[in-house]
Amino acid sequence: MYTVPRGAHQKIGIVIYGFAVGVGTALGISAAFLVLASAISLFAQSTGWIDLGAYQPWLPIMGAEYGLFIGIVLGALVCWKVWRRRFDARTFDLRKD
């Protein structure tokens, strides 16, 4: 079995990739909450079933803000999982099956 230890460039790449995936997760969750809050606000405005009062125009912004908080937590978990998974395999197997 032929193995090669990780170089500095590969380690830097793993760290950058983990950060990119974590930030993408946080922004994706925030965008999903923005769309969900916008849909709820438009539904409440068009049907009149839900009275949001003064919060109706601010609901999409609040959804994006609270979604960002949840996204940061989940993004940190995803980033940690990517780092753990990529750094646990300490060597590459160059053998082709």
PDB file of N, CA and C in Angstrom:
ATOM      1  N   MET A   1       0.838  -1.173   0.000  1.00  0.00           N
ATOM      2  CA  MET A   1       0.000   0.000   0.000  1.00  0.00           C
ATOM      3  C   MET A   1       0.885   1.238   0.000  1.00  0.00           C
ATOM      4  N   TYR A   2       0.673   2.100  -0.965  1.00  0.00           N
ATOM      5  CA  TYR A   2       1.462   3.302  -1.098  1.00  0.00           C
ATOM      6  C   TYR A   2       0.684   4.479  -0.527  1.00  0.00           C
ATOM      7  N   THR A   3       1.291   5.172   0.397  1.00  0.00           N
ATOM      8  CA  THR A   3       0.620   6.312   1.011  1.00  0.00           C
ATOM      9  C   THR A   3       1.546   7.522   0.998  1.00  0.00           C
ATOM     10  N   VAL A   4       0.937   8.705   0.969  1.00  0.00           N
ATOM     11  CA  VAL A   4       1.673   9.960   0.979  1.00  0.00           C
ATOM     12  C   VAL A   4       1.094  10.829   2.083  1.00  0.00           C
ATOM     13  N   PRO A   5       1.927  11.400   2.964  1.00  0.00           N
ATOM     14  CA  PRO A   5       1.377  12.300   3.994  1.00  0.00           C
ATOM     15  C   PRO A   5       0.868  13.592   3.368  1.00  0.00           C
ATOM     16  N   ARG A   6      -0.018  14.257   4.067  1.00  0.00           N
ATOM     17  CA  ARG A   6      -0.597  15.499   3.573  1.00  0.00           C
ATOM     18  C   ARG A   6       0.441  16.618   3.642  1.00  0.00           C
ATOM     19  N   GLY A   7       0.425  17.442   2.606  1.00  0.00           N
ATOM     20  CA  GLY A   7       1.305  18.599   2.578  1.00  0.00           C
ATOM     21  C   GLY A   7       0.618  19.818   3.168  1.00  0.00           C
ATOM     22  N   ALA A   8       1.366  20.897   3.255  1.00  0.00           N
ATOM     23  CA  ALA A   8       0.821  22.131   3.824  1.00  0.00           C
ATOM     24  C   ALA A   8      -0.285  22.696   2.934  1.00  0.00           C
ATOM     25  N   HIS A   9      -0.113  22.602   1.615  1.00  0.00           N
ATOM     26  CA  HIS A   9      -1.132  23.123   0.704  1.00  0.00           C
ATOM     27  C   HIS A   9      -2.441  22.359   0.834  1.00  0.00           C
ATOM     28  N   GLN A  10      -2.355  21.064   1.028  1.00  0.00           N
ATOM     29  CA  GLN A  10      -3.581  20.271   1.192  1.00  0.00           C
ATOM     30  C   GLN A  10      -4.283  20.610   2.497  1.00  0.00           C
ATOM     31  N   LYS A  11      -3.536  20.839   3.547  1.00  0.00           N
ATOM     32  CA  LYS A  11      -4.139  21.209   4.825  1.00  0.00           C
ATOM     33  C   LYS A  11      -4.808  22.577   4.743  1.00  0.00           C
ATOM     34  N   ILE A  12      -4.154  23.523   4.084  1.00  0.00           N
ATOM     35  CA  ILE A  12      -4.750  24.843   3.900  1.00  0.00           C
ATOM     36  C   ILE A  12      -6.017  24.733   3.065  1.00  0.00           C
ATOM     37  N   GLY A  13      -5.981  23.892   2.043  1.00  0.00           N
ATOM     38  CA  GLY A  13      -7.161  23.680   1.208  1.00  0.00           C
ATOM     39  C   GLY A  13      -8.318  23.079   1.981  1.00  0.00           C
ATOM     40  N   ILE A  14      -8.018  22.162   2.884  1.00  0.00           N
ATOM     41  CA  ILE A  14      -9.072  21.558   3.706  1.00  0.00           C
ATOM     42  C   ILE A  14      -9.707  22.602   4.613  1.00  0.00           C
ATOM     43  N   VAL A  15      -8.894  23.463   5.212  1.00  0.00           N
ATOM     44  CA  VAL A  15      -9.414  24.506   6.106  1.00  0.00           C
ATOM     45  C   VAL A  15     -10.285  25.496   5.323  1.00  0.00           C
ATOM     46  N   ILE A  16      -9.811  25.922   4.161  1.00  0.00           N
ATOM     47  CA  ILE A  16     -10.580  26.873   3.347  1.00  0.00           C
ATOM     48  C   ILE A  16     -11.879  26.233   2.871  1.00  0.00           C
ATOM     49  N   TYR A  17     -11.808  24.971   2.454  1.00  0.00           N
ATOM     50  CA  TYR A  17     -13.019  24.272   2.009  1.00  0.00           C
ATOM     51  C   TYR A  17     -14.027  24.143   3.153  1.00  0.00           C
ATOM     52  N   GLY A  18     -13.559  23.833   4.359  1.00  0.00           N
ATOM     53  CA  GLY A  18     -14.454  23.738   5.517  1.00  0.00           C
ATOM     54  C   GLY A  18     -15.140  25.061   5.812  1.00  0.00           C
ATOM     55  N   PHE A  19     -14.363  26.159   5.761  1.00  0.00           N
ATOM     56  CA  PHE A  19     -14.959  27.479   5.967  1.00  0.00           C
ATOM     57  C   PHE A  19     -15.976  27.803   4.882  1.00  0.00           C
ATOM     58  N   ALA A  20     -15.645  27.485   3.640  1.00  0.00           N
ATOM     59  CA  ALA A  20     -16.563  27.792   2.529  1.00  0.00           C
ATOM     60  C   ALA A  20     -17.870  27.023   2.666  1.00  0.00           C
ATOM     61  N   VAL A  21     -17.791  25.762   3.037  1.00  0.00           N
ATOM     62  CA  VAL A  21     -19.003  24.965   3.214  1.00  0.00           C
ATOM     63  C   VAL A  21     -19.815  25.486   4.402  1.00  0.00           C
ATOM     64  N   GLY A  22     -19.149  25.864   5.481  1.00  0.00           N
ATOM     65  CA  GLY A  22     -19.848  26.411   6.646  1.00  0.00           C
ATOM     66  C   GLY A  22     -20.542  27.728   6.349  1.00  0.00           C
ATOM     67  N   VAL A  23     -19.874  28.628   5.650  1.00  0.00           N
ATOM     68  CA  VAL A  23     -20.477  29.915   5.289  1.00  0.00           C
ATOM     69  C   VAL A  23     -21.623  29.698   4.306  1.00  0.00           C
ATOM     70  N   GLY A  24     -21.437  28.779   3.359  1.00  0.00           N
ATOM     71  CA  GLY A  24     -22.519  28.473   2.416  1.00  0.00           C
ATOM     72  C   GLY A  24     -23.743  27.918   3.113  1.00  0.00           C
ATOM     73  N   THR A  25     -23.522  27.086   4.109  1.00  0.00           N
ATOM     74  CA  THR A  25     -24.638  26.541   4.882  1.00  0.00           C
ATOM     75  C   THR A  25     -25.370  27.654   5.631  1.00  0.00           C
ATOM     76  N   ALA A  26     -24.615  28.536   6.272  1.00  0.00           N
ATOM     77  CA  ALA A  26     -25.239  29.644   7.023  1.00  0.00           C
ATOM     78  C   ALA A  26     -26.042  30.550   6.097  1.00  0.00           C
ATOM     79  N   LEU A  27     -25.483  30.894   4.943  1.00  0.00           N
ATOM     80  CA  LEU A  27     -26.199  31.774   4.022  1.00  0.00           C
ATOM     81  C   LEU A  27     -27.393  31.076   3.382  1.00  0.00           C
ATOM     82  N   GLY A  28     -27.267  29.792   3.113  1.00  0.00           N
ATOM     83  CA  GLY A  28     -28.383  29.046   2.541  1.00  0.00           C
ATOM     84  C   GLY A  28     -29.556  28.936   3.494  1.00  0.00           C
ATOM     85  N   ILE A  29     -29.273  28.687   4.756  1.00  0.00           N
ATOM     86  CA  ILE A  29     -30.341  28.598   5.751  1.00  0.00           C
ATOM     87  C   ILE A  29     -30.987  29.969   5.956  1.00  0.00           C
ATOM     88  N   SER A  30     -30.174  31.021   5.969  1.00  0.00           N
ATOM     89  CA  SER A  30     -30.730  32.372   6.098  1.00  0.00           C
ATOM     90  C   SER A  30     -31.624  32.706   4.913  1.00  0.00           C
ATOM     91  N   ALA A  31     -31.204  32.328   3.705  1.00  0.00           N
ATOM     92  CA  ALA A  31     -32.027  32.577   2.522  1.00  0.00           C
ATOM     93  C   ALA A  31     -33.325  31.777   2.569  1.00  0.00           C
ATOM     94  N   ALA A  32     -33.256  30.552   3.058  1.00  0.00           N
ATOM     95  CA  ALA A  32     -34.466  29.737   3.173  1.00  0.00           C
ATOM     96  C   ALA A  32     -35.456  30.358   4.158  1.00  0.00           C
ATOM     97  N   PHE A  33     -34.953  30.870   5.277  1.00  0.00           N
ATOM     98  CA  PHE A  33     -35.833  31.526   6.244  1.00  0.00           C
ATOM     99  C   PHE A  33     -36.394  32.830   5.684  1.00  0.00           C
ATOM    100  N   LEU A  34     -35.617  33.537   4.861  1.00  0.00           N
ATOM    101  CA  LEU A  34     -36.106  34.751   4.218  1.00  0.00           C
ATOM    102  C   LEU A  34     -37.272  34.434   3.279  1.00  0.00           C
ATOM    103  N   VAL A  35     -37.119  33.393   2.482  1.00  0.00           N
ATOM    104  CA  VAL A  35     -38.189  33.000   1.560  1.00  0.00           C
ATOM    105  C   VAL A  35     -39.417  32.533   2.339  1.00  0.00           C
ATOM    106  N   LEU A  36     -39.218  31.756   3.388  1.00  0.00           N
ATOM    107  CA  LEU A  36     -40.337  31.275   4.195  1.00  0.00           C
ATOM    108  C   LEU A  36     -41.077  32.434   4.860  1.00  0.00           C
ATOM    109  N   ALA A  37     -40.345  33.377   5.423  1.00  0.00           N
ATOM    110  CA  ALA A  37     -40.991  34.525   6.074  1.00  0.00           C
ATOM    111  C   ALA A  37     -41.700  35.407   5.050  1.00  0.00           C
ATOM    112  N   SER A  38     -41.125  35.549   3.867  1.00  0.00           N
ATOM    113  CA  SER A  38     -41.799  36.323   2.814  1.00  0.00           C
ATOM    114  C   SER A  38     -43.101  35.656   2.396  1.00  0.00           C
ATOM    115  N   ALA A  39     -43.066  34.332   2.276  1.00  0.00           N
ATOM    116  CA  ALA A  39     -44.282  33.601   1.902  1.00  0.00           C
ATOM    117  C   ALA A  39     -45.356  33.732   2.978  1.00  0.00           C
ATOM    118  N   ILE A  40     -44.964  33.655   4.226  1.00  0.00           N
ATOM    119  CA  ILE A  40     -45.930  33.797   5.317  1.00  0.00           C
ATOM    120  C   ILE A  40     -46.510  35.214   5.324  1.00  0.00           C
ATOM    121  N   SER A  41     -45.654  36.207   5.114  1.00  0.00           N
ATOM    122  CA  SER A  41     -46.126  37.588   5.098  1.00  0.00           C
ATOM    123  C   SER A  41     -47.098  37.839   3.947  1.00  0.00           C
ATOM    124  N   LEU A  42     -46.765  37.333   2.772  1.00  0.00           N
ATOM    125  CA  LEU A  42     -47.669  37.509   1.625  1.00  0.00           C
ATOM    126  C   LEU A  42     -48.976  36.744   1.817  1.00  0.00           C
ATOM    127  N   PHE A  43     -48.894  35.561   2.400  1.00  0.00           N
ATOM    128  CA  PHE A  43     -50.102  34.783   2.674  1.00  0.00           C
ATOM    129  C   PHE A  43     -50.995  35.504   3.673  1.00  0.00           C
ATOM    130  N   ALA A  44     -50.379  36.047   4.719  1.00  0.00           N
ATOM    131  CA  ALA A  44     -51.160  36.768   5.731  1.00  0.00           C
ATOM    132  C   ALA A  44     -51.790  38.024   5.147  1.00  0.00           C
ATOM    133  N   GLN A  45     -51.091  38.686   4.247  1.00  0.00           N
ATOM    134  CA  GLN A  45     -51.626  39.907   3.648  1.00  0.00           C
ATOM    135  C   GLN A  45     -52.765  39.601   2.678  1.00  0.00           C
ATOM    136  N   SER A  46     -52.620  38.528   1.911  1.00  0.00           N
ATOM    137  CA  SER A  46     -53.621  38.260   0.879  1.00  0.00           C
ATOM    138  C   SER A  46     -54.885  37.604   1.432  1.00  0.00           C
ATOM    139  N   THR A  47     -54.748  36.781   2.462  1.00  0.00           N
ATOM    140  CA  THR A  47     -55.929  36.092   2.979  1.00  0.00           C
ATOM    141  C   THR A  47     -56.579  36.809   4.158  1.00  0.00           C
ATOM    142  N   GLY A  48     -55.805  37.482   4.962  1.00  0.00           N
ATOM    143  CA  GLY A  48     -56.355  38.152   6.135  1.00  0.00           C
ATOM    144  C   GLY A  48     -56.630  37.204   7.298  1.00  0.00           C
ATOM    145  N   TRP A  49     -56.228  35.942   7.170  1.00  0.00           N
ATOM    146  CA  TRP A  49     -56.453  34.975   8.248  1.00  0.00           C
ATOM    147  C   TRP A  49     -55.561  35.233   9.444  1.00  0.00           C
ATOM    148  N   ILE A  50     -54.349  35.706   9.182  1.00  0.00           N
ATOM    149  CA  ILE A  50     -53.381  35.959  10.248  1.00  0.00           C
ATOM    150  C   ILE A  50     -53.171  37.462  10.330  1.00  0.00           C
ATOM    151  N   ASP A  51     -53.350  38.034  11.501  1.00  0.00           N
ATOM    152  CA  ASP A  51     -53.129  39.462  11.684  1.00  0.00           C
ATOM    153  C   ASP A  51     -51.743  39.649  12.292  1.00  0.00           C
ATOM    154  N   LEU A  52     -50.785  40.056  11.464  1.00  0.00           N
ATOM    155  CA  LEU A  52     -49.428  40.260  11.949  1.00  0.00           C
ATOM    156  C   LEU A  52     -49.203  41.656  12.494  1.00  0.00           C
ATOM    157  N   GLY A  53     -50.110  42.549  12.225  1.00  0.00           N
ATOM    158  CA  GLY A  53     -50.005  43.911  12.755  1.00  0.00           C
ATOM    159  C   GLY A  53     -48.815  44.654  12.184  1.00  0.00           C
ATOM    160  N   ALA A  54     -48.061  45.291  13.073  1.00  0.00           N
ATOM    161  CA  ALA A  54     -46.917  46.099  12.647  1.00  0.00           C
ATOM    162  C   ALA A  54     -45.731  45.246  12.217  1.00  0.00           C
ATOM    163  N   TYR A  55     -45.755  43.952  12.507  1.00  0.00           N
ATOM    164  CA  TYR A  55     -44.626  43.094  12.169  1.00  0.00           C
ATOM    165  C   TYR A  55     -44.656  42.584  10.735  1.00  0.00           C
ATOM    166  N   GLN A  56     -45.752  42.784  10.022  1.00  0.00           N
ATOM    167  CA  GLN A  56     -45.887  42.213   8.691  1.00  0.00           C
ATOM    168  C   GLN A  56     -44.799  42.680   7.714  1.00  0.00           C
ATOM    169  N   PRO A  57     -44.497  43.976   7.599  1.00  0.00           N
ATOM    170  CA  PRO A  57     -43.445  44.355   6.657  1.00  0.00           C
ATOM    171  C   PRO A  57     -42.046  43.941   7.107  1.00  0.00           C
ATOM    172  N   TRP A  58     -41.874  43.711   8.394  1.00  0.00           N
ATOM    173  CA  TRP A  58     -40.565  43.362   8.918  1.00  0.00           C
ATOM    174  C   TRP A  58     -40.344  41.859   9.007  1.00  0.00           C
ATOM    175  N   LEU A  59     -41.362  41.068   8.736  1.00  0.00           N
ATOM    176  CA  LEU A  59     -41.250  39.616   8.911  1.00  0.00           C
ATOM    177  C   LEU A  59     -40.163  38.987   8.039  1.00  0.00           C
ATOM    178  N   PRO A  60     -40.017  39.342   6.761  1.00  0.00           N
ATOM    179  CA  PRO A  60     -38.922  38.743   5.984  1.00  0.00           C
ATOM    180  C   PRO A  60     -37.536  39.080   6.527  1.00  0.00           C
ATOM    181  N   ILE A  61     -37.359  40.307   7.002  1.00  0.00           N
ATOM    182  CA  ILE A  61     -36.057  40.697   7.562  1.00  0.00           C
ATOM    183  C   ILE A  61     -35.793  39.949   8.859  1.00  0.00           C
ATOM    184  N   MET A  62     -36.823  39.811   9.694  1.00  0.00           N
ATOM    185  CA  MET A  62     -36.652  39.063  10.939  1.00  0.00           C
ATOM    186  C   MET A  62     -36.382  37.594  10.648  1.00  0.00           C
ATOM    187  N   GLY A  63     -37.045  37.039   9.628  1.00  0.00           N
ATOM    188  CA  GLY A  63     -36.799  35.654   9.255  1.00  0.00           C
ATOM    189  C   GLY A  63     -35.368  35.434   8.805  1.00  0.00           C
ATOM    190  N   ALA A  64     -34.844  36.358   8.013  1.00  0.00           N
ATOM    191  CA  ALA A  64     -33.452  36.242   7.564  1.00  0.00           C
ATOM    192  C   ALA A  64     -32.479  36.380   8.730  1.00  0.00           C
ATOM    193  N   GLU A  65     -32.799  37.276   9.663  1.00  0.00           N
ATOM    194  CA  GLU A  65     -31.911  37.483  10.809  1.00  0.00           C
ATOM    195  C   GLU A  65     -31.885  36.255  11.721  1.00  0.00           C
ATOM    196  N   TYR A  66     -33.058  35.742  12.072  1.00  0.00           N
ATOM    197  CA  TYR A  66     -33.090  34.562  12.926  1.00  0.00           C
ATOM    198  C   TYR A  66     -32.567  33.333  12.193  1.00  0.00           C
ATOM    199  N   GLY A  67     -32.798  33.288  10.892  1.00  0.00           N
ATOM    200  CA  GLY A  67     -32.240  32.196  10.101  1.00  0.00           C
ATOM    201  C   GLY A  67     -30.729  32.235  10.061  1.00  0.00           C
ATOM    202  N   LEU A  68     -30.164  33.442  10.072  1.00  0.00           N
ATOM    203  CA  LEU A  68     -28.711  33.560  10.082  1.00  0.00           C
ATOM    204  C   LEU A  68     -28.134  33.040  11.389  1.00  0.00           C
ATOM    205  N   PHE A  69     -28.806  33.310  12.511  1.00  0.00           N
ATOM    206  CA  PHE A  69     -28.319  32.789  13.794  1.00  0.00           C
ATOM    207  C   PHE A  69     -28.308  31.260  13.786  1.00  0.00           C
ATOM    208  N   ILE A  70     -29.386  30.668  13.318  1.00  0.00           N
ATOM    209  CA  ILE A  70     -29.460  29.210  13.231  1.00  0.00           C
ATOM    210  C   ILE A  70     -28.432  28.702  12.216  1.00  0.00           C
ATOM    211  N   GLY A  71     -28.284  29.436  11.119  1.00  0.00           N
ATOM    212  CA  GLY A  71     -27.327  29.043  10.091  1.00  0.00           C
ATOM    213  C   GLY A  71     -25.892  29.089  10.569  1.00  0.00           C
ATOM    214  N   ILE A  72     -25.558  30.048  11.413  1.00  0.00           N
ATOM    215  CA  ILE A  72     -24.190  30.122  11.944  1.00  0.00           C
ATOM    216  C   ILE A  72     -23.893  28.904  12.801  1.00  0.00           C
ATOM    217  N   VAL A  73     -24.844  28.516  13.628  1.00  0.00           N
ATOM    218  CA  VAL A  73     -24.641  27.338  14.473  1.00  0.00           C
ATOM    219  C   VAL A  73     -24.514  26.082  13.612  1.00  0.00           C
ATOM    220  N   LEU A  74     -25.441  25.908  12.671  1.00  0.00           N
ATOM    221  CA  LEU A  74     -25.374  24.730  11.815  1.00  0.00           C
ATOM    222  C   LEU A  74     -24.174  24.783  10.878  1.00  0.00           C
ATOM    223  N   GLY A  75     -23.795  25.962  10.409  1.00  0.00           N
ATOM    224  CA  GLY A  75     -22.608  26.100   9.573  1.00  0.00           C
ATOM    225  C   GLY A  75     -21.337  25.732  10.315  1.00  0.00           C
ATOM    226  N   ALA A  76     -21.263  26.098  11.591  1.00  0.00           N
ATOM    227  CA  ALA A  76     -20.105  25.707  12.396  1.00  0.00           C
ATOM    228  C   ALA A  76     -20.048  24.190  12.566  1.00  0.00           C
ATOM    229  N   LEU A  77     -21.206  23.569  12.761  1.00  0.00           N
ATOM    230  CA  LEU A  77     -21.224  22.108  12.867  1.00  0.00           C
ATOM    231  C   LEU A  77     -20.805  21.440  11.564  1.00  0.00           C
ATOM    232  N   VAL A  78     -21.281  21.959  10.450  1.00  0.00           N
ATOM    233  CA  VAL A  78     -20.908  21.388   9.151  1.00  0.00           C
ATOM    234  C   VAL A  78     -19.419  21.581   8.904  1.00  0.00           C
ATOM    235  N   CYS A  79     -18.908  22.759   9.214  1.00  0.00           N
ATOM    236  CA  CYS A  79     -17.475  23.033   9.051  1.00  0.00           C
ATOM    237  C   CYS A  79     -16.644  22.074   9.891  1.00  0.00           C
ATOM    238  N   TRP A  80     -17.043  21.851  11.130  1.00  0.00           N
ATOM    239  CA  TRP A  80     -16.320  20.943  12.010  1.00  0.00           C
ATOM    240  C   TRP A  80     -16.364  19.509  11.474  1.00  0.00           C
ATOM    241  N   LYS A  81     -17.524  19.087  10.963  1.00  0.00           N
ATOM    242  CA  LYS A  81     -17.634  17.737  10.414  1.00  0.00           C
ATOM    243  C   LYS A  81     -16.754  17.560   9.179  1.00  0.00           C
ATOM    244  N   VAL A  82     -16.692  18.587   8.330  1.00  0.00           N
ATOM    245  CA  VAL A  82     -15.826  18.505   7.149  1.00  0.00           C
ATOM    246  C   VAL A  82     -14.376  18.405   7.576  1.00  0.00           C
ATOM    247  N   TRP A  83     -13.960  19.239   8.513  1.00  0.00           N
ATOM    248  CA  TRP A  83     -12.582  19.185   8.976  1.00  0.00           C
ATOM    249  C   TRP A  83     -12.262  17.838   9.616  1.00  0.00           C
ATOM    250  N   ARG A  84     -13.162  17.359  10.455  1.00  0.00           N
ATOM    251  CA  ARG A  84     -12.915  16.096  11.142  1.00  0.00           C
ATOM    252  C   ARG A  84     -12.797  14.952  10.148  1.00  0.00           C
ATOM    253  N   ARG A  85     -13.679  14.936   9.181  1.00  0.00           N
ATOM    254  CA  ARG A  85     -13.669  13.845   8.217  1.00  0.00           C
ATOM    255  C   ARG A  85     -12.424  13.896   7.327  1.00  0.00           C
ATOM    256  N   ARG A  86     -12.042  15.081   6.897  1.00  0.00           N
ATOM    257  CA  ARG A  86     -10.896  15.187   5.996  1.00  0.00           C
ATOM    258  C   ARG A  86      -9.562  15.058   6.711  1.00  0.00           C
ATOM    259  N   PHE A  87      -9.498  15.480   7.964  1.00  0.00           N
ATOM    260  CA  PHE A  87      -8.239  15.367   8.688  1.00  0.00           C
ATOM    261  C   PHE A  87      -8.069  13.992   9.345  1.00  0.00           C
ATOM    262  N   ASP A  88      -9.138  13.233   9.538  1.00  0.00           N
ATOM    263  CA  ASP A  88      -8.999  11.905  10.117  1.00  0.00           C
ATOM    264  C   ASP A  88      -8.282  10.952   9.178  1.00  0.00           C
ATOM    265  N   ALA A  89      -8.524  11.052   7.889  1.00  0.00           N
ATOM    266  CA  ALA A  89      -7.804  10.235   6.924  1.00  0.00           C
ATOM    267  C   ALA A  89      -6.437  10.888   6.741  1.00  0.00           C
ATOM    268  N   ARG A  90      -5.471  10.450   7.516  1.00  0.00           N
ATOM    269  CA  ARG A  90      -4.182  11.135   7.570  1.00  0.00           C
ATOM    270  C   ARG A  90      -3.313  10.897   6.342  1.00  0.00           C
ATOM    271  N   THR A  91      -3.632   9.883   5.585  1.00  0.00           N
ATOM    272  CA  THR A  91      -2.830   9.592   4.406  1.00  0.00           C
ATOM    273  C   THR A  91      -3.740   9.341   3.213  1.00  0.00           C
ATOM    274  N   PHE A  92      -3.187   9.516   2.038  1.00  0.00           N
ATOM    275  CA  PHE A  92      -3.899   9.212   0.807  1.00  0.00           C
ATOM    276  C   PHE A  92      -3.453   7.853   0.306  1.00  0.00           C
ATOM    277  N   ASP A  93      -4.381   7.100  -0.205  1.00  0.00           N
ATOM    278  CA  ASP A  93      -4.055   5.825  -0.813  1.00  0.00           C
ATOM    279  C   ASP A  93      -3.924   6.043  -2.316  1.00  0.00           C
ATOM    280  N   LEU A  94      -2.718   5.886  -2.818  1.00  0.00           N
ATOM    281  CA  LEU A  94      -2.464   6.135  -4.237  1.00  0.00           C
ATOM    282  C   LEU A  94      -2.756   4.913  -5.107  1.00  0.00           C
ATOM    283  N   ARG A  95      -3.059   3.816  -4.493  1.00  0.00           N
ATOM    284  CA  ARG A  95      -3.329   2.599  -5.242  1.00  0.00           C
ATOM    285  C   ARG A  95      -4.684   2.684  -5.913  1.00  0.00           C
ATOM    286  N   LYS A  96      -4.725   2.391  -7.196  1.00  0.00           N
ATOM    287  CA  LYS A  96      -5.973   2.410  -7.950  1.00  0.00           C
ATOM    288  C   LYS A  96      -6.558   1.002  -7.944  1.00  0.00           C
ATOM    289  N   ASP A  97      -7.816   0.889  -7.564  1.00  0.00           N
ATOM    290  CA  ASP A  97      -8.447  -0.435  -7.544  1.00  0.00           C
ATOM    291  C   ASP A  97      -9.053  -0.776  -8.883  1.00  0.00           C
TER     292      ASP A  97
END
